[in-house]
Amino acid sequence: MKTLTEDAIELLKNLIEIPSFSGEESATAALIKSWLENHQVQARQCQNNIWATNKFYDKSKPTILLNSHHDTVRPNQAYTRDPFTAAVEDGKLYGLGSNDAGGCLVSLLATFVHFYDRESLNYNLVMVASAEEESSGPNGLCSMLEIIPKIDVAIVGEPTQMHLAVAEKGLVVFDALVKGTASHAAHPNDDNAIYKCVEVLQWFKDFKFEKSSDTLGDVKMTVTQISAGEQHNAVPSQVSLVVDVRVNDAYSNQEIADLLQQQSPCDQIVPRSLRLNSSSIPMDHDIVKAGIAIGRETYGSPTLSDQAILSCPSVKLGPGLSLRSHTADEFIYVKEIEEGIDIYKQVLEQIL
């Protein structure tokens, strides 16, 4: 008979071989639900999200959310392997979504099953295998928050080498315009929007937000897209910019939007969404103390996850390495999954 850990690794191999791009996760959702039911867990489905509570759920107790996602990005053109073939070589399990975030997901599922039918826990457990994380879609974890029980604290499974990301930067994407006067290229024009954009780009490059964070450092602002003009002999009336702002926990997204709308030299700057806020957990929280007690380190994460839509304290914790995410020939070490399940269990044993 397979151990729970071996069964979780086999689940990951099966998940890799089923395409599950954001919004197209129905087949992996069915597999996860079946896997939980095979372990005598009463699993429920909402769209492509699979969720369950521990067997002896008690609404009078606080609740821990265990969450990771089963959608993936699309494979990039640099792959030398079939992204949908799960292969183990030299201890590495290759395949699209293996590292981000399949290893985390199956490790959390195994951990949830381990504690599922234990009585008299100090906390309830809610497991959510969520969809649409990679696209920040409307039918992912955000759609589940009014369906699942109220959450008091969350462990979000993303590759952190099983160290605790105790804070995570938020994200605001802005669409900005620099306006000028349209004209024929053959005539003088002192109001050329493209030339005016040079100073605007320099402003974004040089601007420093005042408030830094002990865990997340400075706010990071980057112009990532620029677009103007349709033909060689016509000066355009405006230049469009896209600005990516990674927000530390010293600011709310609304504060960032207000500041840029007041101070930026753009004629117009509008946030696409303010919902992906920074997140954190107090350093004296039981989960953080439990991780530190077994030798795990803490840090602030610059990358975005489903933590961004949670209002409760949360920590990002999972096997794998963030730098492997979205890369060609993605992989996770089998040993990382084995250790991940063990560390999840050790952390939760201390507080449950």
Protein backbone atom coordinates (compact mmCIF):
# COMPACT_ATOMS: atom_id res chain seq x y z
CA MET A 1 0.00 0.00 0.00
CA LYS A 2 1.25 3.48 -0.86
CA THR A 3 2.00 5.94 1.89
CA LEU A 4 0.08 9.22 1.91
CA THR A 5 3.21 11.00 0.68
CA GLU A 6 3.67 8.57 -2.21
CA ASP A 7 0.02 8.97 -3.10
CA ALA A 8 0.39 12.76 -3.12
CA ILE A 9 3.37 12.56 -5.48
CA GLU A 10 1.40 10.23 -7.76
CA LEU A 11 -1.44 12.78 -7.74
CA LEU A 12 0.98 15.49 -8.86
CA LYS A 13 2.18 13.34 -11.75
CA ASN A 14 -1.41 12.86 -12.86
CA LEU A 15 -2.18 16.59 -12.52
CA ILE A 16 0.84 17.51 -14.67
CA GLU A 17 -0.47 15.37 -17.50
CA ILE A 18 -3.83 17.19 -17.61
CA PRO A 19 -3.76 20.71 -19.13
CA SER A 20 -5.24 23.16 -16.61
CA PHE A 21 -4.75 26.69 -17.87
CA SER A 22 -6.54 29.39 -15.88
CA GLY A 23 -10.27 29.11 -16.50
CA GLU A 24 -9.85 25.65 -18.03
CA GLU A 25 -9.32 23.54 -14.90
CA SER A 26 -12.40 21.30 -14.92
CA ALA A 27 -10.44 18.08 -15.49
CA THR A 28 -7.92 18.69 -12.71
CA ALA A 29 -10.77 19.76 -10.42
CA ALA A 30 -12.44 16.40 -11.02
CA LEU A 31 -9.20 14.56 -10.30
CA ILE A 32 -8.59 16.42 -7.03
CA LYS A 33 -12.16 15.85 -5.86
CA SER A 34 -11.87 12.14 -6.66
CA TRP A 35 -8.52 11.92 -4.85
CA LEU A 36 -9.99 13.44 -1.69
CA GLU A 37 -13.03 11.18 -1.84
CA ASN A 38 -10.74 8.16 -2.19
CA HIS A 39 -9.26 9.26 1.13
CA GLN A 40 -12.74 9.36 2.70
CA VAL A 41 -12.93 13.16 2.63
CA GLN A 42 -16.29 14.76 1.90
CA ALA A 43 -15.19 17.16 -0.85
CA ARG A 44 -17.32 19.87 -2.45
CA GLN A 45 -16.99 21.73 -5.73
CA CYS A 46 -17.80 25.29 -6.71
CA GLN A 47 -16.97 26.00 -10.35
CA ASN A 48 -13.40 24.65 -10.64
CA ASN A 49 -12.58 25.08 -6.95
CA ILE A 50 -12.53 22.01 -4.70
CA TRP A 51 -12.95 22.47 -0.97
CA ALA A 52 -13.50 20.55 2.25
CA THR A 53 -13.56 21.04 6.01
CA ASN A 54 -12.12 18.71 8.62
CA LYS A 55 -14.46 15.88 9.68
CA PHE A 56 -15.13 17.28 13.14
CA TYR A 57 -15.57 20.91 12.12
CA ASP A 58 -16.75 23.03 15.06
CA LYS A 59 -18.02 26.52 14.22
CA SER A 60 -17.13 27.72 17.73
CA LYS A 61 -13.42 27.28 16.96
CA PRO A 62 -11.15 29.48 14.84
CA THR A 63 -10.38 28.25 11.32
CA ILE A 64 -7.16 27.83 9.34
CA LEU A 65 -7.36 27.94 5.55
CA LEU A 66 -4.99 25.66 3.62
CA ASN A 67 -4.92 26.87 0.03
CA SER A 68 -3.03 26.37 -3.19
CA HIS A 69 -3.99 26.43 -6.86
CA HIS A 70 -4.23 23.85 -9.63
CA ASP A 71 -4.24 26.15 -12.65
CA THR A 72 -1.09 26.87 -14.64
CA VAL A 73 0.28 29.42 -17.06
CA ARG A 74 0.71 28.31 -20.66
CA PRO A 75 4.09 26.70 -21.47
CA ASN A 76 6.62 29.02 -23.06
CA GLN A 77 8.37 28.31 -26.35
CA ALA A 78 11.69 27.49 -24.70
CA TYR A 79 10.49 24.08 -23.44
CA THR A 80 12.66 21.19 -24.59
CA ARG A 81 10.38 18.61 -22.94
CA ASP A 82 6.71 17.85 -23.31
CA PRO A 83 5.24 20.10 -20.57
CA PHE A 84 2.43 17.60 -20.03
CA THR A 85 4.63 14.56 -19.46
CA ALA A 86 5.48 13.92 -15.82
CA ALA A 87 8.99 12.46 -15.70
CA VAL A 88 11.32 11.87 -12.75
CA GLU A 89 15.03 12.15 -13.52
CA ASP A 90 17.84 12.59 -10.98
CA GLY A 91 15.28 13.23 -8.25
CA LYS A 92 13.53 15.97 -10.25
CA LEU A 93 9.86 15.71 -11.19
CA TYR A 94 9.46 17.60 -14.47
CA GLY A 95 6.27 19.05 -15.90
CA LEU A 96 4.22 22.23 -16.26
CA GLY A 97 2.90 23.32 -12.88
CA SER A 98 5.13 20.95 -10.93
CA ASN A 99 6.80 23.76 -9.00
CA ASP A 100 4.08 26.43 -9.31
CA ALA A 101 2.17 25.26 -7.50
CA GLY A 102 1.53 21.53 -7.88
CA GLY A 103 4.07 20.48 -5.29
CA CYS A 104 2.54 22.87 -2.77
CA LEU A 105 -0.99 21.77 -3.60
CA VAL A 106 -0.44 18.04 -3.19
CA SER A 107 1.61 18.62 -0.04
CA LEU A 108 -1.24 20.61 1.52
CA LEU A 109 -3.80 18.04 0.37
CA ALA A 110 -1.78 15.27 2.04
CA THR A 111 -1.43 17.37 5.19
CA PHE A 112 -5.16 18.06 5.26
CA VAL A 113 -5.94 14.34 4.87
CA HIS A 114 -3.49 13.58 7.68
CA PHE A 115 -5.45 15.78 10.11
CA TYR A 116 -8.89 15.31 8.54
CA ASP A 117 -10.50 12.89 10.98
CA ARG A 118 -8.64 13.90 14.11
CA GLU A 119 -10.91 14.95 16.97
CA SER A 120 -10.54 17.83 19.44
CA LEU A 121 -8.35 20.07 17.28
CA ASN A 122 -7.73 23.62 18.51
CA TYR A 123 -8.53 24.96 15.04
CA ASN A 124 -10.79 23.89 12.21
CA LEU A 125 -9.15 23.23 8.87
CA VAL A 126 -10.57 24.29 5.50
CA MET A 127 -8.81 23.06 2.37
CA VAL A 128 -9.33 24.92 -0.92
CA ALA A 129 -7.71 23.75 -4.15
CA SER A 130 -8.40 26.88 -6.15
CA ALA A 131 -8.65 27.85 -9.79
CA GLU A 132 -7.67 30.98 -11.73
CA GLU A 133 -4.79 32.03 -9.48
CA GLU A 134 -2.42 32.69 -12.36
CA SER A 135 -4.90 35.04 -14.04
CA SER A 136 -6.27 36.59 -10.81
CA GLY A 137 -9.62 35.55 -12.23
CA PRO A 138 -13.04 36.14 -10.70
CA ASN A 139 -13.83 32.42 -10.30
CA GLY A 140 -10.86 31.49 -8.14
CA LEU A 141 -10.28 31.80 -4.40
CA CYS A 142 -11.94 35.23 -4.31
CA SER A 143 -15.23 33.60 -5.33
CA MET A 144 -14.95 31.11 -2.45
CA LEU A 145 -14.64 33.51 0.46
CA GLU A 146 -18.40 33.87 0.89
CA ILE A 147 -18.95 30.13 0.46
CA ILE A 148 -16.42 28.60 2.83
CA PRO A 149 -16.55 29.24 6.60
CA LYS A 150 -15.02 32.43 7.99
CA ILE A 151 -11.22 32.20 7.94
CA ASP A 152 -9.08 33.43 10.84
CA VAL A 153 -5.65 32.71 9.37
CA ALA A 154 -4.36 31.16 6.14
CA ILE A 155 -1.44 29.14 4.85
CA VAL A 156 -1.10 29.77 1.12
CA GLY A 157 0.93 27.17 -0.73
CA GLU A 158 3.47 28.73 -3.09
CA PRO A 159 7.12 27.72 -3.61
CA THR A 160 9.12 29.28 -0.73
CA GLN A 161 11.58 26.43 -0.01
CA MET A 162 9.41 25.87 3.08
CA HIS A 163 10.46 29.16 4.62
CA LEU A 164 7.76 31.53 5.85
CA ALA A 165 6.88 34.53 3.72
CA VAL A 166 5.37 36.61 6.52
CA ALA A 167 4.50 39.49 4.18
CA GLU A 168 3.75 39.81 0.47
CA LYS A 169 3.69 42.84 -1.77
CA GLY A 170 0.42 43.94 -3.30
CA LEU A 171 -0.05 44.98 -6.92
CA VAL A 172 -1.64 47.92 -8.68
CA VAL A 173 -1.45 48.25 -12.47
CA PHE A 174 -2.05 51.73 -13.87
CA ASP A 175 -2.98 52.87 -17.37
CA ALA A 176 -1.50 56.31 -18.00
CA LEU A 177 -1.64 58.86 -20.81
CA VAL A 178 0.78 61.58 -21.89
CA LYS A 179 -1.07 63.93 -24.23
CA GLY A 180 0.24 66.23 -26.96
CA THR A 181 -0.83 67.71 -30.25
CA ALA A 182 -1.28 65.56 -33.33
CA SER A 183 0.43 66.84 -36.48
CA HIS A 184 2.12 65.96 -39.74
CA ALA A 185 5.73 64.93 -39.15
CA ALA A 186 6.92 67.45 -41.76
CA HIS A 187 5.73 70.47 -39.73
CA PRO A 188 7.10 71.94 -36.48
CA ASN A 189 5.45 70.67 -33.28
CA ASP A 190 6.53 71.81 -29.83
CA ASP A 191 3.84 69.62 -28.21
CA ASN A 192 4.98 66.18 -29.39
CA ALA A 193 3.58 63.63 -26.92
CA ILE A 194 6.43 61.20 -27.58
CA TYR A 195 9.09 63.80 -26.70
CA LYS A 196 7.09 64.89 -23.66
CA CYS A 197 7.07 61.27 -22.56
CA VAL A 198 10.86 61.31 -22.06
CA GLU A 199 10.54 63.47 -18.94
CA VAL A 200 7.58 61.42 -17.73
CA LEU A 201 9.55 58.18 -18.02
CA GLN A 202 12.45 59.76 -16.13
CA TRP A 203 10.03 60.82 -13.37
CA PHE A 204 8.81 57.23 -12.95
CA LYS A 205 12.39 55.95 -13.00
CA ASP A 206 13.55 58.39 -10.30
CA PHE A 207 10.49 58.54 -8.05
CA LYS A 208 10.92 57.12 -4.53
CA PHE A 209 8.05 56.33 -2.19
CA GLU A 210 8.82 57.64 1.30
CA LYS A 211 7.66 54.75 3.44
CA SER A 212 9.70 51.55 3.48
CA SER A 213 8.90 48.25 5.22
CA ASP A 214 11.03 46.08 7.47
CA THR A 215 9.83 42.92 5.72
CA LEU A 216 9.01 44.08 2.18
CA GLY A 217 11.42 46.95 1.60
CA ASP A 218 10.47 49.77 -0.75
CA VAL A 219 7.51 50.08 -3.10
CA LYS A 220 8.69 49.01 -6.58
CA MET A 221 7.31 50.99 -9.53
CA THR A 222 8.09 50.01 -13.14
CA VAL A 223 6.87 51.22 -16.51
CA THR A 224 6.30 47.97 -18.38
CA GLN A 225 4.49 48.94 -21.60
CA ILE A 226 4.47 51.94 -23.93
CA SER A 227 2.41 52.52 -27.07
CA ALA A 228 1.99 55.41 -29.51
CA GLY A 229 1.59 56.22 -33.18
CA GLU A 230 0.20 54.36 -36.17
CA GLN A 231 2.19 55.67 -39.14
CA HIS A 232 5.61 57.13 -39.81
CA ASN A 233 4.52 60.59 -40.94
CA ALA A 234 2.00 61.40 -38.23
CA VAL A 235 2.82 62.66 -34.72
CA PRO A 236 0.31 61.00 -32.37
CA SER A 237 -1.89 62.93 -29.98
CA GLN A 238 -0.98 60.77 -26.99
CA VAL A 239 1.29 58.08 -25.60
CA SER A 240 -0.13 55.21 -23.54
CA LEU A 241 1.87 53.77 -20.64
CA VAL A 242 1.32 50.81 -18.35
CA VAL A 243 2.84 51.14 -14.88
CA ASP A 244 3.32 48.15 -12.55
CA VAL A 245 3.49 49.03 -8.84
CA ARG A 246 4.42 46.45 -6.21
CA VAL A 247 3.10 47.79 -2.93
CA ASN A 248 4.62 47.19 0.50
CA ASP A 249 2.62 46.92 3.71
CA ALA A 250 3.30 50.57 4.60
CA TYR A 251 0.72 51.67 2.02
CA SER A 252 -2.76 50.65 0.97
CA ASN A 253 -3.40 50.37 -2.76
CA GLN A 254 -5.78 53.33 -2.49
CA GLU A 255 -3.00 55.46 -0.98
CA ILE A 256 -0.71 54.58 -3.90
CA ALA A 257 -3.43 55.50 -6.39
CA ASP A 258 -4.13 58.82 -4.67
CA LEU A 259 -0.44 59.69 -4.53
CA LEU A 260 0.24 58.98 -8.21
CA GLN A 261 -2.87 60.79 -9.35
CA GLN A 262 -1.75 63.85 -7.38
CA GLN A 263 1.96 63.83 -8.19
CA SER A 264 2.69 62.03 -11.46
CA PRO A 265 3.30 64.21 -14.54
CA CYS A 266 0.84 62.17 -16.62
CA ASP A 267 -2.26 63.80 -18.06
CA GLN A 268 -4.23 60.79 -16.86
CA ILE A 269 -3.37 57.81 -14.66
CA VAL A 270 -6.02 55.27 -13.67
CA PRO A 271 -5.68 52.05 -11.62
CA ARG A 272 -7.13 48.91 -13.20
CA SER A 273 -7.96 47.41 -9.79
CA LEU A 274 -7.26 48.13 -6.13
CA ARG A 275 -8.18 44.69 -4.78
CA LEU A 276 -4.73 43.04 -4.77
CA ASN A 277 -3.41 44.49 -1.52
CA SER A 278 -0.26 43.62 0.37
CA SER A 279 -0.63 40.99 3.07
CA SER A 280 1.13 39.99 6.26
CA ILE A 281 0.96 38.04 9.49
CA PRO A 282 2.14 39.18 12.95
CA MET A 283 5.53 37.77 13.90
CA ASP A 284 4.06 36.61 17.22
CA HIS A 285 1.31 34.56 15.55
CA ASP A 286 1.26 30.89 16.55
CA ILE A 287 1.93 29.71 12.98
CA VAL A 288 5.00 31.93 12.65
CA LYS A 289 6.32 30.89 16.04
CA ALA A 290 5.74 27.23 15.17
CA GLY A 291 7.73 27.59 11.95
CA ILE A 292 10.59 29.40 13.64
CA ALA A 293 10.65 26.74 16.38
CA ILE A 294 11.55 24.07 13.80
CA GLY A 295 14.22 26.20 12.15
CA ARG A 296 12.32 27.85 9.30
CA GLU A 297 13.34 31.37 8.27
CA THR A 298 11.03 34.35 7.68
CA TYR A 299 11.12 36.87 4.84
CA GLY A 300 9.03 39.28 2.77
CA SER A 301 7.95 38.15 -0.69
CA PRO A 302 7.92 40.42 -3.77
CA THR A 303 5.70 38.07 -5.81
CA LEU A 304 1.92 37.99 -5.86
CA SER A 305 -0.32 35.09 -4.85
CA ASP A 306 -3.87 34.45 -3.66
CA GLN A 307 -2.81 36.03 -0.36
CA ALA A 308 -3.64 39.33 -2.04
CA ILE A 309 -7.38 38.74 -1.85
CA LEU A 310 -7.40 37.60 1.80
CA SER A 311 -8.17 40.07 4.57
CA CYS A 312 -7.11 37.76 7.41
CA PRO A 313 -3.49 37.22 8.52
CA SER A 314 -1.74 34.84 6.14
CA VAL A 315 1.61 33.24 5.49
CA LYS A 316 3.00 31.92 2.20
CA LEU A 317 4.71 28.56 2.69
CA GLY A 318 5.45 25.70 0.35
CA PRO A 319 7.99 23.35 -1.27
CA GLY A 320 9.83 24.38 -4.41
CA LEU A 321 11.71 27.48 -5.52
CA SER A 322 9.98 30.62 -6.77
CA LEU A 323 12.68 31.24 -9.40
CA ARG A 324 11.64 28.02 -11.22
CA SER A 325 8.08 29.24 -11.67
CA HIS A 326 7.01 29.94 -15.27
CA THR A 327 10.38 28.75 -16.60
CA ALA A 328 10.99 26.25 -19.40
CA ASP A 329 11.29 22.60 -18.32
CA GLU A 330 9.80 23.41 -14.93
CA PHE A 331 10.52 20.90 -12.17
CA ILE A 332 10.38 20.25 -8.44
CA TYR A 333 12.56 17.85 -6.50
CA VAL A 334 10.64 14.85 -5.18
CA LYS A 335 12.54 15.30 -1.93
CA GLU A 336 11.13 18.84 -1.64
CA ILE A 337 7.59 17.46 -1.65
CA GLU A 338 8.46 14.81 0.93
CA GLU A 339 10.06 17.41 3.18
CA GLY A 340 7.23 19.86 2.53
CA ILE A 341 4.57 17.47 3.80
CA ASP A 342 6.68 16.73 6.87
CA ILE A 343 7.21 20.43 7.67
CA TYR A 344 3.54 21.31 7.15
CA LYS A 345 2.68 18.53 9.62
CA GLN A 346 5.26 19.73 12.14
CA VAL A 347 4.02 23.31 12.01
CA LEU A 348 0.37 22.35 12.40
CA GLU A 349 1.02 19.75 15.09
CA GLN A 350 2.27 22.52 17.36
CA ILE A 351 -0.90 24.57 17.10
CA LEU A 352 -3.68 22.07 16.43
